[in-house]
Protein backbone atom coordinates (compact mmCIF):
# COMPACT_ATOMS: atom_id res chain seq x y z
CA MET A 1 90.12 75.26 72.82
CA ASN A 2 89.89 71.33 72.20
CA LYS A 3 86.58 70.13 73.20
CA THR A 4 88.10 67.21 75.04
CA VAL A 5 90.07 69.64 77.20
CA ALA A 6 87.40 71.87 77.73
CA SER A 7 84.89 69.14 78.69
CA ILE A 8 87.65 67.58 81.48
CA PHE A 9 88.34 71.27 82.45
CA PHE A 10 84.44 71.75 83.19
CA LEU A 11 84.14 68.71 84.58
CA GLY A 12 86.75 69.24 87.07
CA LEU A 13 85.12 72.40 87.88
CA PHE A 14 81.86 70.89 88.69
CA ARG A 15 83.31 68.41 90.77
CA THR A 16 85.38 70.70 92.58
CA PHE A 17 83.07 73.57 93.44
CA PHE A 18 79.46 72.53 92.74
CA TYR A 19 78.84 70.83 96.40
CA GLU A 20 79.63 74.13 98.00
CA PHE A 21 76.18 75.57 96.61
CA VAL A 22 73.77 73.21 98.49
CA PRO A 23 73.21 73.18 102.29
CA GLY A 24 75.85 71.73 104.56
CA ASP A 25 74.07 68.68 105.73
CA ILE A 26 73.85 67.35 102.10
CA GLN A 27 77.21 68.61 100.64
CA ALA A 28 79.11 65.13 101.34
CA TYR A 29 76.30 63.49 99.48
CA VAL A 30 76.27 66.03 96.50
CA TRP A 31 80.25 65.67 96.50
CA ASN A 32 79.78 61.81 95.99
CA ILE A 33 77.04 62.33 93.20
CA SER A 34 79.07 65.14 91.36
CA GLY A 35 82.09 62.75 91.64
CA ALA A 36 80.64 59.89 90.19
CA ALA A 37 78.91 62.09 87.72
CA VAL A 38 82.27 63.17 86.43
CA ILE A 39 83.56 59.67 86.34
CA ILE A 40 80.64 58.40 84.38
CA ALA A 41 81.41 61.31 81.94
CA LEU A 42 85.19 60.26 81.65
CA LEU A 43 84.42 56.90 81.07
CA VAL A 44 81.96 57.51 78.25
CA MET A 45 84.46 59.82 76.94
CA LEU A 46 87.02 57.03 77.02
CA PHE A 47 84.80 54.65 75.41
CA TRP A 48 83.45 56.95 72.67
CA ARG A 49 87.35 57.89 71.82
CA ASN A 50 88.52 54.21 71.59
CA LYS A 51 85.24 52.81 70.11
CA SER A 52 86.36 49.44 71.04
CA TYR A 53 83.66 46.75 72.21
CA PHE A 54 86.47 45.23 74.45
CA TYR A 55 86.28 48.52 76.78
CA LEU A 56 82.27 48.10 76.95
CA PRO A 57 82.11 45.80 79.90
CA ILE A 58 84.54 47.45 82.03
CA VAL A 59 83.19 50.80 81.23
CA GLY A 60 79.81 49.28 82.06
CA TRP A 61 80.82 47.69 85.17
CA TRP A 62 82.64 51.13 86.40
CA ILE A 63 79.29 52.92 85.54
CA TYR A 64 77.40 50.56 87.72
CA GLU A 65 79.39 51.09 90.65
CA GLU A 66 79.26 54.99 90.14
CA LEU A 67 75.39 54.59 89.49
CA LEU A 68 75.35 52.89 93.01
CA VAL A 69 77.08 55.93 94.52
CA ILE A 70 74.63 58.34 92.93
CA ALA A 71 71.40 56.21 94.13
CA CYS A 72 72.95 55.54 97.59
CA SER A 73 73.81 59.42 97.94
CA ILE A 74 70.29 60.59 96.51
CA GLY A 75 68.58 58.42 98.59
CA ARG A 76 70.48 59.39 101.79
CA ILE A 77 69.41 62.97 101.09
CA PHE A 78 65.91 62.06 100.66
CA PHE A 79 65.31 59.19 102.85
CA LYS A 80 67.69 59.00 105.97
CA TRP A 81 68.25 55.65 107.30
CA PRO A 82 70.41 54.32 109.78
CA ASN A 83 73.50 52.42 108.73
CA THR A 84 75.71 49.93 110.56
CA ILE A 85 79.49 50.71 110.55
CA GLY A 86 80.94 48.10 107.84
CA MET A 87 77.87 47.66 105.96
CA ASP A 88 77.08 48.60 102.57
CA GLN A 89 74.40 51.48 102.59
CA LEU A 90 72.27 50.05 99.90
CA SER A 91 72.84 46.66 100.92
CA GLU A 92 71.59 47.18 104.15
CA LYS A 93 68.46 49.45 102.97
CA PHE A 94 67.13 47.24 100.43
CA ASN A 95 68.70 44.00 101.65
CA LEU A 96 70.61 43.69 98.14
CA PRO A 97 73.96 41.92 98.03
CA CYS A 98 75.44 44.78 96.12
CA SER A 99 79.14 43.69 97.07
CA PHE A 100 78.49 40.05 95.74
CA ILE A 101 77.04 41.71 92.69
CA SER A 102 80.14 43.72 92.06
CA ALA A 103 82.70 40.79 92.88
CA SER A 104 80.66 38.93 90.32
CA MET A 105 80.82 41.39 87.83
CA ILE A 106 84.65 41.86 88.75
CA ALA A 107 85.05 37.78 88.03
CA VAL A 108 83.43 37.82 84.80
CA LEU A 109 85.62 40.93 83.63
CA ALA A 110 88.90 39.21 84.76
CA VAL A 111 87.91 35.89 82.85
CA LEU A 112 86.94 38.20 79.44
CA ILE A 113 90.41 40.04 80.11
CA TYR A 114 91.91 36.92 80.49
CA LYS A 115 90.59 35.31 77.31
CA GLU A 116 91.24 38.30 75.42
CA ASN A 117 94.85 38.36 76.35
CA LYS A 118 95.33 34.84 75.65
CA SER A 119 93.88 35.16 72.28
CA ALA A 120 95.94 38.17 71.44
CA ALA A 121 99.12 36.34 72.62
CA SER A 122 98.40 33.15 70.33
CA LYS A 123 97.69 35.32 67.44
CA SER A 124 101.29 36.74 67.80
């Protein structure tokens, strides 16, 4: 079996069934953690296959977002804190502007993508 196909298959199994082996009160957090871990693994596989540094900022941003999911879910497992509806969980707990950081990263990526496309179009 192809290593990539096998990896994707086992990542899918991990994502789909791992949460069932933990206590019910933390299953949702473990589901979030395993899902984010699978997305990170797939992003690393994508980058590894393409080995284009153009992908690096996009993959880096998305990994950052998934690491936030993992950090928040682990934090919620070990340290319960109240969460206001509509408020980012990490932003509220640690008074971090996570949405602002994410939006800033997306804006920088949009500029990089625009410049790359403009540069590629002028070479054509």
